[in-house]
Amino acid sequence: MRAKLRILAVAPALCFTLLAGAVAQTNQDRQAAPQQSPSVANPNPNTATPRAPDMQTYRGMLQKAVEDLRQEISRVEGGAQPRQQGAMPPEVIHLMQTARSSWQIAQRAPMSFARTPAYDSAMQDMRHHVADISHERPSKSAPEAVNAARGVLQSLEKLNQEASARQPS
């Protein structure tokens, strides 16, 4: 009987020790993982500092985001039809995801550019348009989602023009 009580008394401490070891190993694994910088090919790496390393890379990221969003807008305009009463077509859902991703890419501006009034203005406009087509508002029709996505696209293009003007030749 006493042996069982000792085991029961030691079990919580043993569990805690094992859990602490697992947490320490997870932290070591995270620290050992190589940090990636955003690039045109991978604009959204899992990094602690998500800023683009320079304006040239940032412009490439913006251009890719513009192309991707244009393509999704064209796809939805090509005939997204709901499949069930009140259901949002998959094309519209993908358009919303692409618009949100474009906004996240735009947020990765180099710090020198991110502190400018032009950047702040474009990001505020973009935030407003992204909110219009967020997942919290599933009742958006395809034309309404396309109009909001066009607003995101215009903000991206404006941001790209501003970034081009600030990039050294």
N, C-alpha and C. Protein backbone atom coordinates (compact mmCIF):
# COMPACT_ATOMS: atom_id res chain seq x y z
N MET A 1 0.81 -1.18 0.00
CA MET A 1 0.00 0.00 0.00
C MET A 1 0.87 1.26 0.00
N ARG A 2 1.93 1.25 0.82
CA ARG A 2 2.82 2.41 0.87
C ARG A 2 3.53 2.61 -0.47
N ALA A 3 3.86 1.54 -1.16
CA ALA A 3 4.53 1.66 -2.46
C ALA A 3 3.62 2.35 -3.47
N LYS A 4 2.33 2.05 -3.43
CA LYS A 4 1.38 2.68 -4.34
C LYS A 4 1.27 4.17 -4.04
N LEU A 5 1.28 4.52 -2.75
CA LEU A 5 1.19 5.92 -2.37
C LEU A 5 2.44 6.68 -2.83
N ARG A 6 3.59 6.06 -2.73
CA ARG A 6 4.83 6.70 -3.18
C ARG A 6 4.78 6.94 -4.68
N ILE A 7 4.29 5.96 -5.41
CA ILE A 7 4.19 6.11 -6.86
C ILE A 7 3.24 7.26 -7.19
N LEU A 8 2.13 7.32 -6.50
CA LEU A 8 1.17 8.40 -6.74
C LEU A 8 1.75 9.76 -6.37
N ALA A 9 2.60 9.80 -5.38
CA ALA A 9 3.21 11.06 -4.96
C ALA A 9 4.29 11.50 -5.95
N VAL A 10 4.97 10.57 -6.56
CA VAL A 10 6.07 10.88 -7.48
C VAL A 10 5.54 11.14 -8.90
N ALA A 11 4.41 10.60 -9.26
CA ALA A 11 3.89 10.71 -10.63
C ALA A 11 3.73 12.15 -11.10
N PRO A 12 3.15 13.08 -10.33
CA PRO A 12 3.03 14.46 -10.83
C PRO A 12 4.39 15.11 -11.08
N ALA A 13 5.35 14.86 -10.21
CA ALA A 13 6.68 15.44 -10.41
C ALA A 13 7.33 14.88 -11.67
N LEU A 14 7.16 13.59 -11.90
CA LEU A 14 7.70 12.95 -13.10
C LEU A 14 7.06 13.53 -14.35
N CYS A 15 5.74 13.71 -14.34
CA CYS A 15 5.03 14.31 -15.48
C CYS A 15 5.53 15.73 -15.75
N PHE A 16 5.70 16.49 -14.68
CA PHE A 16 6.18 17.86 -14.83
C PHE A 16 7.58 17.88 -15.45
N THR A 17 8.45 17.00 -15.00
CA THR A 17 9.81 16.92 -15.52
C THR A 17 9.80 16.57 -17.01
N LEU A 18 8.99 15.61 -17.38
CA LEU A 18 8.88 15.22 -18.80
C LEU A 18 8.34 16.36 -19.65
N LEU A 19 7.33 17.06 -19.15
CA LEU A 19 6.74 18.17 -19.87
C LEU A 19 7.76 19.31 -20.03
N ALA A 20 8.49 19.61 -18.99
CA ALA A 20 9.50 20.67 -19.07
C ALA A 20 10.58 20.31 -20.09
N GLY A 21 10.96 19.05 -20.15
CA GLY A 21 11.95 18.61 -21.13
C GLY A 21 11.43 18.75 -22.55
N ALA A 22 10.17 18.42 -22.75
CA ALA A 22 9.57 18.55 -24.09
C ALA A 22 9.51 20.00 -24.52
N VAL A 23 9.15 20.90 -23.61
CA VAL A 23 9.08 22.33 -23.92
C VAL A 23 10.48 22.86 -24.25
N ALA A 24 11.47 22.46 -23.49
CA ALA A 24 12.84 22.89 -23.76
C ALA A 24 13.31 22.41 -25.13
N GLN A 25 12.99 21.18 -25.48
CA GLN A 25 13.38 20.65 -26.80
C GLN A 25 12.70 21.43 -27.92
N THR A 26 11.42 21.76 -27.75
CA THR A 26 10.68 22.52 -28.75
C THR A 26 11.31 23.90 -28.94
N ASN A 27 11.68 24.56 -27.84
CA ASN A 27 12.33 25.87 -27.93
C ASN A 27 13.67 25.77 -28.64
N GLN A 28 14.44 24.71 -28.38
CA GLN A 28 15.71 24.52 -29.07
C GLN A 28 15.50 24.31 -30.55
N ASP A 29 14.48 23.54 -30.92
CA ASP A 29 14.18 23.30 -32.33
C ASP A 29 13.81 24.60 -33.04
N ARG A 30 13.04 25.46 -32.39
CA ARG A 30 12.65 26.74 -32.99
C ARG A 30 13.86 27.64 -33.18
N GLN A 31 14.77 27.64 -32.21
CA GLN A 31 15.95 28.49 -32.31
C GLN A 31 16.91 27.98 -33.37
N ALA A 32 16.93 26.68 -33.60
CA ALA A 32 17.84 26.11 -34.57
C ALA A 32 17.34 26.27 -36.00
N ALA A 33 16.03 26.51 -36.18
CA ALA A 33 15.48 26.65 -37.51
C ALA A 33 16.06 27.90 -38.17
N PRO A 34 16.48 27.78 -39.44
CA PRO A 34 17.06 28.94 -40.12
C PRO A 34 16.01 30.02 -40.37
N GLN A 35 16.38 31.26 -40.12
CA GLN A 35 15.49 32.38 -40.37
C GLN A 35 15.53 32.71 -41.86
N GLN A 36 14.36 32.90 -42.45
CA GLN A 36 14.28 33.24 -43.86
C GLN A 36 13.82 34.68 -43.99
N SER A 37 14.36 35.37 -44.98
CA SER A 37 13.90 36.72 -45.29
C SER A 37 12.83 36.63 -46.35
N PRO A 38 11.91 37.59 -46.36
CA PRO A 38 10.92 37.59 -47.44
C PRO A 38 11.61 37.75 -48.79
N SER A 39 11.05 37.14 -49.79
CA SER A 39 11.57 37.26 -51.15
C SER A 39 10.40 37.26 -52.10
N VAL A 40 10.69 37.49 -53.38
CA VAL A 40 9.63 37.46 -54.38
C VAL A 40 9.03 36.06 -54.44
N ALA A 41 9.86 35.05 -54.38
CA ALA A 41 9.38 33.67 -54.45
C ALA A 41 8.63 33.26 -53.19
N ASN A 42 9.05 33.77 -52.03
CA ASN A 42 8.41 33.42 -50.76
C ASN A 42 8.20 34.69 -49.96
N PRO A 43 7.12 35.46 -50.26
CA PRO A 43 6.93 36.73 -49.57
C PRO A 43 6.46 36.61 -48.13
N ASN A 44 6.01 35.43 -47.71
CA ASN A 44 5.49 35.25 -46.36
C ASN A 44 6.19 34.15 -45.59
N PRO A 45 7.52 34.22 -45.45
CA PRO A 45 8.17 33.19 -44.64
C PRO A 45 7.84 33.40 -43.17
N ASN A 46 7.98 32.35 -42.41
CA ASN A 46 7.74 32.44 -40.98
C ASN A 46 8.99 33.00 -40.32
N THR A 47 9.03 34.30 -40.18
CA THR A 47 10.19 34.95 -39.60
C THR A 47 9.75 35.85 -38.45
N ALA A 48 10.70 36.12 -37.59
CA ALA A 48 10.42 37.04 -36.48
C ALA A 48 10.39 38.48 -36.99
N THR A 49 11.16 38.77 -38.02
CA THR A 49 11.21 40.11 -38.62
C THR A 49 10.80 39.98 -40.08
N PRO A 50 9.54 40.24 -40.37
CA PRO A 50 9.03 39.97 -41.71
C PRO A 50 9.28 41.05 -42.74
N ARG A 51 10.12 42.00 -42.49
CA ARG A 51 10.37 43.08 -43.44
C ARG A 51 11.19 42.59 -44.63
N ALA A 52 10.87 43.12 -45.81
CA ALA A 52 11.68 42.83 -47.00
C ALA A 52 13.07 43.42 -46.76
N PRO A 53 14.11 42.75 -47.25
CA PRO A 53 15.47 43.23 -46.97
C PRO A 53 15.82 44.53 -47.70
N ASP A 54 15.15 44.82 -48.82
CA ASP A 54 15.44 46.04 -49.57
C ASP A 54 14.25 46.40 -50.45
N MET A 55 14.30 47.60 -51.05
CA MET A 55 13.18 48.08 -51.87
C MET A 55 13.01 47.25 -53.14
N GLN A 56 14.09 46.79 -53.72
CA GLN A 56 13.98 46.00 -54.95
C GLN A 56 13.20 44.71 -54.68
N THR A 57 13.53 44.03 -53.60
CA THR A 57 12.81 42.81 -53.24
C THR A 57 11.35 43.13 -52.93
N TYR A 58 11.13 44.20 -52.21
CA TYR A 58 9.76 44.60 -51.85
C TYR A 58 8.94 44.89 -53.11
N ARG A 59 9.52 45.60 -54.05
CA ARG A 59 8.80 45.88 -55.30
C ARG A 59 8.47 44.60 -56.04
N GLY A 60 9.38 43.65 -56.06
CA GLY A 60 9.10 42.36 -56.70
C GLY A 60 7.95 41.64 -56.01
N MET A 61 7.93 41.71 -54.68
CA MET A 61 6.85 41.09 -53.92
C MET A 61 5.51 41.76 -54.24
N LEU A 62 5.52 43.09 -54.31
CA LEU A 62 4.29 43.82 -54.65
C LEU A 62 3.81 43.48 -56.05
N GLN A 63 4.74 43.42 -57.00
CA GLN A 63 4.36 43.11 -58.38
C GLN A 63 3.73 41.72 -58.48
N LYS A 64 4.29 40.76 -57.77
CA LYS A 64 3.71 39.42 -57.77
C LYS A 64 2.33 39.42 -57.13
N ALA A 65 2.17 40.17 -56.05
CA ALA A 65 0.86 40.26 -55.39
C ALA A 65 -0.17 40.91 -56.33
N VAL A 66 0.24 41.93 -57.07
CA VAL A 66 -0.65 42.58 -58.03
C VAL A 66 -1.08 41.58 -59.10
N GLU A 67 -0.12 40.84 -59.65
CA GLU A 67 -0.44 39.85 -60.68
C GLU A 67 -1.40 38.78 -60.16
N ASP A 68 -1.12 38.27 -58.97
CA ASP A 68 -1.97 37.22 -58.39
C ASP A 68 -3.39 37.73 -58.14
N LEU A 69 -3.51 38.94 -57.63
CA LEU A 69 -4.83 39.49 -57.33
C LEU A 69 -5.60 39.77 -58.63
N ARG A 70 -4.92 40.30 -59.64
CA ARG A 70 -5.58 40.51 -60.94
C ARG A 70 -6.12 39.20 -61.49
N GLN A 71 -5.32 38.16 -61.39
CA GLN A 71 -5.73 36.85 -61.89
C GLN A 71 -6.97 36.34 -61.16
N GLU A 72 -7.01 36.50 -59.85
CA GLU A 72 -8.17 36.05 -59.07
C GLU A 72 -9.41 36.88 -59.38
N ILE A 73 -9.25 38.17 -59.56
CA ILE A 73 -10.39 39.02 -59.93
C ILE A 73 -10.95 38.57 -61.26
N SER A 74 -10.08 38.31 -62.23
CA SER A 74 -10.54 37.84 -63.55
C SER A 74 -11.27 36.51 -63.43
N ARG A 75 -10.77 35.63 -62.60
CA ARG A 75 -11.39 34.32 -62.42
C ARG A 75 -12.80 34.45 -61.86
N VAL A 76 -12.98 35.33 -60.87
CA VAL A 76 -14.30 35.51 -60.27
C VAL A 76 -15.24 36.20 -61.26
N GLU A 77 -14.72 37.19 -61.98
CA GLU A 77 -15.55 37.86 -62.97
C GLU A 77 -15.97 36.92 -64.09
N GLY A 78 -15.19 35.86 -64.29
CA GLY A 78 -15.48 34.88 -65.34
C GLY A 78 -16.68 34.00 -65.05
N GLY A 79 -17.27 34.12 -63.90
CA GLY A 79 -18.49 33.36 -63.67
C GLY A 79 -18.55 32.56 -62.39
N ALA A 80 -18.35 33.18 -61.27
CA ALA A 80 -18.52 32.47 -59.99
C ALA A 80 -20.01 32.38 -59.69
N GLN A 81 -20.49 31.19 -59.57
CA GLN A 81 -21.91 30.96 -59.28
C GLN A 81 -22.03 30.19 -57.97
N PRO A 82 -22.93 30.62 -57.08
CA PRO A 82 -23.13 29.87 -55.84
C PRO A 82 -23.69 28.49 -56.13
N ARG A 83 -23.24 27.52 -55.40
CA ARG A 83 -23.68 26.15 -55.63
C ARG A 83 -24.87 25.77 -54.75
N GLN A 84 -25.02 26.46 -53.64
CA GLN A 84 -26.15 26.24 -52.74
C GLN A 84 -26.72 27.59 -52.35
N GLN A 85 -27.95 27.59 -51.93
CA GLN A 85 -28.58 28.84 -51.51
C GLN A 85 -27.76 29.47 -50.39
N GLY A 86 -27.27 30.67 -50.62
CA GLY A 86 -26.52 31.39 -49.61
C GLY A 86 -25.07 30.98 -49.47
N ALA A 87 -24.63 29.96 -50.20
CA ALA A 87 -23.24 29.50 -50.10
C ALA A 87 -22.35 30.40 -50.95
N MET A 88 -21.18 30.68 -50.43
CA MET A 88 -20.23 31.49 -51.18
C MET A 88 -19.44 30.60 -52.13
N PRO A 89 -19.31 31.00 -53.38
CA PRO A 89 -18.56 30.18 -54.33
C PRO A 89 -17.09 30.07 -53.92
N PRO A 90 -16.47 28.94 -54.22
CA PRO A 90 -15.05 28.77 -53.86
C PRO A 90 -14.17 29.84 -54.50
N GLU A 91 -14.52 30.31 -55.68
CA GLU A 91 -13.72 31.34 -56.34
C GLU A 91 -13.70 32.63 -55.53
N VAL A 92 -14.84 32.98 -54.92
CA VAL A 92 -14.92 34.19 -54.10
C VAL A 92 -14.11 34.01 -52.82
N ILE A 93 -14.19 32.84 -52.25
CA ILE A 93 -13.39 32.55 -51.05
C ILE A 93 -11.90 32.68 -51.36
N HIS A 94 -11.49 32.14 -52.50
CA HIS A 94 -10.07 32.23 -52.88
C HIS A 94 -9.69 33.68 -53.16
N LEU A 95 -10.60 34.46 -53.75
CA LEU A 95 -10.34 35.88 -53.98
C LEU A 95 -10.12 36.60 -52.65
N MET A 96 -10.94 36.30 -51.67
CA MET A 96 -10.78 36.91 -50.34
C MET A 96 -9.43 36.54 -49.73
N GLN A 97 -9.03 35.29 -49.88
CA GLN A 97 -7.75 34.85 -49.33
C GLN A 97 -6.59 35.54 -50.04
N THR A 98 -6.70 35.69 -51.36
CA THR A 98 -5.64 36.35 -52.13
C THR A 98 -5.54 37.82 -51.76
N ALA A 99 -6.68 38.48 -51.56
CA ALA A 99 -6.66 39.89 -51.16
C ALA A 99 -6.00 40.05 -49.79
N ARG A 100 -6.34 39.18 -48.86
CA ARG A 100 -5.73 39.23 -47.52
C ARG A 100 -4.22 38.97 -47.60
N SER A 101 -3.83 38.00 -48.40
CA SER A 101 -2.41 37.70 -48.58
C SER A 101 -1.67 38.89 -49.18
N SER A 102 -2.31 39.56 -50.14
CA SER A 102 -1.70 40.75 -50.76
C SER A 102 -1.47 41.84 -49.73
N TRP A 103 -2.44 42.01 -48.85
CA TRP A 103 -2.32 43.00 -47.78
C TRP A 103 -1.16 42.64 -46.85
N GLN A 104 -1.03 41.36 -46.53
CA GLN A 104 0.06 40.92 -45.66
C GLN A 104 1.42 41.13 -46.33
N ILE A 105 1.48 40.91 -47.63
CA ILE A 105 2.73 41.16 -48.37
C ILE A 105 3.06 42.64 -48.31
N ALA A 106 2.06 43.49 -48.52
CA ALA A 106 2.29 44.93 -48.51
C ALA A 106 2.81 45.40 -47.15
N GLN A 107 2.46 44.72 -46.09
CA GLN A 107 2.92 45.09 -44.75
C GLN A 107 4.40 44.81 -44.54
N ARG A 108 5.05 44.13 -45.44
CA ARG A 108 6.45 43.74 -45.27
C ARG A 108 7.44 44.75 -45.84
N ALA A 109 7.02 45.99 -45.94
CA ALA A 109 7.88 47.05 -46.49
C ALA A 109 9.13 47.23 -45.63
N PRO A 110 10.24 47.57 -46.28
CA PRO A 110 11.43 47.93 -45.50
C PRO A 110 11.08 49.10 -44.56
N MET A 111 11.70 49.14 -43.42
CA MET A 111 11.35 50.13 -42.39
C MET A 111 11.45 51.56 -42.92
N SER A 112 12.43 51.84 -43.77
CA SER A 112 12.58 53.21 -44.28
C SER A 112 11.36 53.65 -45.09
N PHE A 113 10.72 52.73 -45.78
CA PHE A 113 9.54 53.03 -46.57
C PHE A 113 8.27 52.96 -45.72
N ALA A 114 8.27 52.07 -44.75
CA ALA A 114 7.08 51.87 -43.91
C ALA A 114 6.77 53.08 -43.04
N ARG A 115 7.68 53.99 -42.92
CA ARG A 115 7.48 55.18 -42.08
C ARG A 115 7.02 56.39 -42.89
N THR A 116 6.64 56.20 -44.15
CA THR A 116 6.26 57.32 -45.00
C THR A 116 4.75 57.53 -45.00
N PRO A 117 4.31 58.76 -45.23
CA PRO A 117 2.87 59.04 -45.32
C PRO A 117 2.20 58.28 -46.48
N ALA A 118 2.90 58.13 -47.60
CA ALA A 118 2.33 57.41 -48.74
C ALA A 118 2.03 55.95 -48.38
N TYR A 119 2.95 55.34 -47.65
CA TYR A 119 2.75 53.95 -47.20
C TYR A 119 1.56 53.87 -46.25
N ASP A 120 1.52 54.77 -45.28
CA ASP A 120 0.43 54.77 -44.30
C ASP A 120 -0.92 54.92 -44.98
N SER A 121 -1.01 55.82 -45.94
CA SER A 121 -2.26 56.07 -46.64
C SER A 121 -2.70 54.84 -47.44
N ALA A 122 -1.78 54.25 -48.18
CA ALA A 122 -2.11 53.06 -48.98
C ALA A 122 -2.51 51.90 -48.08
N MET A 123 -1.82 51.73 -46.97
CA MET A 123 -2.15 50.62 -46.07
C MET A 123 -3.51 50.83 -45.40
N GLN A 124 -3.84 52.06 -45.08
CA GLN A 124 -5.15 52.33 -44.49
C GLN A 124 -6.26 52.02 -45.49
N ASP A 125 -6.09 52.44 -46.75
CA ASP A 125 -7.08 52.12 -47.79
C ASP A 125 -7.21 50.62 -47.96
N MET A 126 -6.07 49.95 -48.00
CA MET A 126 -6.08 48.51 -48.21
C MET A 126 -6.76 47.79 -47.05
N ARG A 127 -6.47 48.21 -45.84
CA ARG A 127 -7.09 47.61 -44.65
C ARG A 127 -8.61 47.72 -44.72
N HIS A 128 -9.09 48.88 -45.17
CA HIS A 128 -10.52 49.10 -45.31
C HIS A 128 -11.13 48.12 -46.33
N HIS A 129 -10.48 47.96 -47.47
CA HIS A 129 -11.00 47.07 -48.51
C HIS A 129 -10.92 45.60 -48.10
N VAL A 130 -9.85 45.23 -47.42
CA VAL A 130 -9.72 43.84 -46.95
C VAL A 130 -10.82 43.54 -45.93
N ALA A 131 -11.13 44.50 -45.08
CA ALA A 131 -12.19 44.30 -44.10
C ALA A 131 -13.54 44.10 -44.79
N ASP A 132 -13.72 44.72 -45.94
CA ASP A 132 -14.98 44.56 -46.68
C ASP A 132 -15.20 43.14 -47.19
N ILE A 133 -14.13 42.40 -47.40
CA ILE A 133 -14.29 41.04 -47.94
C ILE A 133 -13.73 39.99 -47.00
N SER A 134 -13.76 40.29 -45.73
CA SER A 134 -13.22 39.32 -44.76
C SER A 134 -14.16 38.16 -44.57
N HIS A 135 -13.65 37.11 -43.95
CA HIS A 135 -14.45 35.91 -43.69
C HIS A 135 -15.58 36.18 -42.69
N GLU A 136 -15.49 37.26 -41.96
CA GLU A 136 -16.54 37.58 -41.00
C GLU A 136 -17.80 38.08 -41.69
N ARG A 137 -17.69 38.39 -42.97
CA ARG A 137 -18.84 38.89 -43.73
C ARG A 137 -19.14 37.94 -44.89
N PRO A 138 -19.63 36.76 -44.60
CA PRO A 138 -19.82 35.76 -45.65
C PRO A 138 -20.96 36.06 -46.61
N SER A 139 -21.74 37.10 -46.35
CA SER A 139 -22.89 37.37 -47.21
C SER A 139 -22.52 38.20 -48.44
N LYS A 140 -21.26 38.53 -48.63
CA LYS A 140 -20.84 39.31 -49.78
C LYS A 140 -21.14 38.54 -51.07
N SER A 141 -21.71 39.26 -52.02
CA SER A 141 -21.93 38.65 -53.33
C SER A 141 -20.63 38.73 -54.11
N ALA A 142 -20.55 37.98 -55.19
CA ALA A 142 -19.34 37.99 -56.02
C ALA A 142 -19.02 39.39 -56.53
N PRO A 143 -20.01 40.15 -57.05
CA PRO A 143 -19.68 41.51 -57.52
C PRO A 143 -19.17 42.43 -56.40
N GLU A 144 -19.74 42.30 -55.19
CA GLU A 144 -19.26 43.12 -54.07
C GLU A 144 -17.84 42.74 -53.68
N ALA A 145 -17.54 41.45 -53.68
CA ALA A 145 -16.20 40.98 -53.35
C ALA A 145 -15.20 41.45 -54.40
N VAL A 146 -15.60 41.41 -55.67
CA VAL A 146 -14.72 41.87 -56.74
C VAL A 146 -14.44 43.36 -56.59
N ASN A 147 -15.46 44.15 -56.27
CA ASN A 147 -15.25 45.60 -56.08
C ASN A 147 -14.28 45.87 -54.94
N ALA A 148 -14.43 45.16 -53.84
CA ALA A 148 -13.51 45.34 -52.72
C ALA A 148 -12.10 44.90 -53.10
N ALA A 149 -11.99 43.79 -53.85
CA ALA A 149 -10.67 43.31 -54.29
C ALA A 149 -10.02 44.31 -55.24
N ARG A 150 -10.84 44.94 -56.07
CA ARG A 150 -10.29 45.99 -56.95
C ARG A 150 -9.73 47.15 -56.13
N GLY A 151 -10.38 47.46 -55.02
CA GLY A 151 -9.86 48.50 -54.13
C GLY A 151 -8.50 48.11 -53.56
N VAL A 152 -8.36 46.84 -53.16
CA VAL A 152 -7.08 46.34 -52.67
C VAL A 152 -6.04 46.44 -53.79
N LEU A 153 -6.44 46.06 -55.00
CA LEU A 153 -5.53 46.11 -56.15
C LEU A 153 -5.07 47.54 -56.41
N GLN A 154 -5.98 48.50 -56.37
CA GLN A 154 -5.59 49.90 -56.59
C GLN A 154 -4.60 50.37 -55.53
N SER A 155 -4.84 49.97 -54.29
CA SER A 155 -3.91 50.35 -53.21
C SER A 155 -2.54 49.72 -53.42
N LEU A 156 -2.52 48.45 -53.86
CA LEU A 156 -1.24 47.78 -54.15
C LEU A 156 -0.49 48.49 -55.26
N GLU A 157 -1.22 48.85 -56.32
CA GLU A 157 -0.58 49.54 -57.45
C GLU A 157 -0.03 50.90 -57.02
N LYS A 158 -0.79 51.61 -56.19
CA LYS A 158 -0.33 52.91 -55.67
C LYS A 158 0.92 52.72 -54.83
N LEU A 159 0.92 51.71 -54.00
CA LEU A 159 2.07 51.41 -53.16
C LEU A 159 3.29 51.06 -54.01
N ASN A 160 3.08 50.29 -55.06
CA ASN A 160 4.16 49.90 -55.96
C ASN A 160 4.74 51.14 -56.66
N GLN A 161 3.87 52.07 -57.07
CA GLN A 161 4.35 53.30 -57.71
C GLN A 161 5.19 54.11 -56.73
N GLU A 162 4.73 54.23 -55.50
CA GLU A 162 5.48 54.96 -54.48
C GLU A 162 6.83 54.29 -54.20
N ALA A 163 6.83 52.98 -54.14
CA ALA A 163 8.07 52.25 -53.89
C ALA A 163 9.03 52.43 -55.06
N SER A 164 8.50 52.45 -56.27
CA SER A 164 9.35 52.68 -57.46
C SER A 164 9.98 54.05 -57.42
N ALA A 165 9.21 55.05 -57.00
CA ALA A 165 9.73 56.41 -56.95
C ALA A 165 10.83 56.57 -55.90
N ARG A 166 10.80 55.76 -54.88
CA ARG A 166 11.79 55.85 -53.80
C ARG A 166 13.00 54.95 -54.01
N GLN A 167 12.91 54.06 -54.99
CA GLN A 167 14.03 53.15 -55.23
C GLN A 167 15.09 53.85 -56.05
N PRO A 168 16.35 53.75 -55.62
CA PRO A 168 17.43 54.39 -56.38
C PRO A 168 17.57 53.73 -57.75
N SER A 169 17.90 54.54 -58.74
CA SER A 169 18.05 54.02 -60.11
C SER A 169 19.35 53.32 -60.32
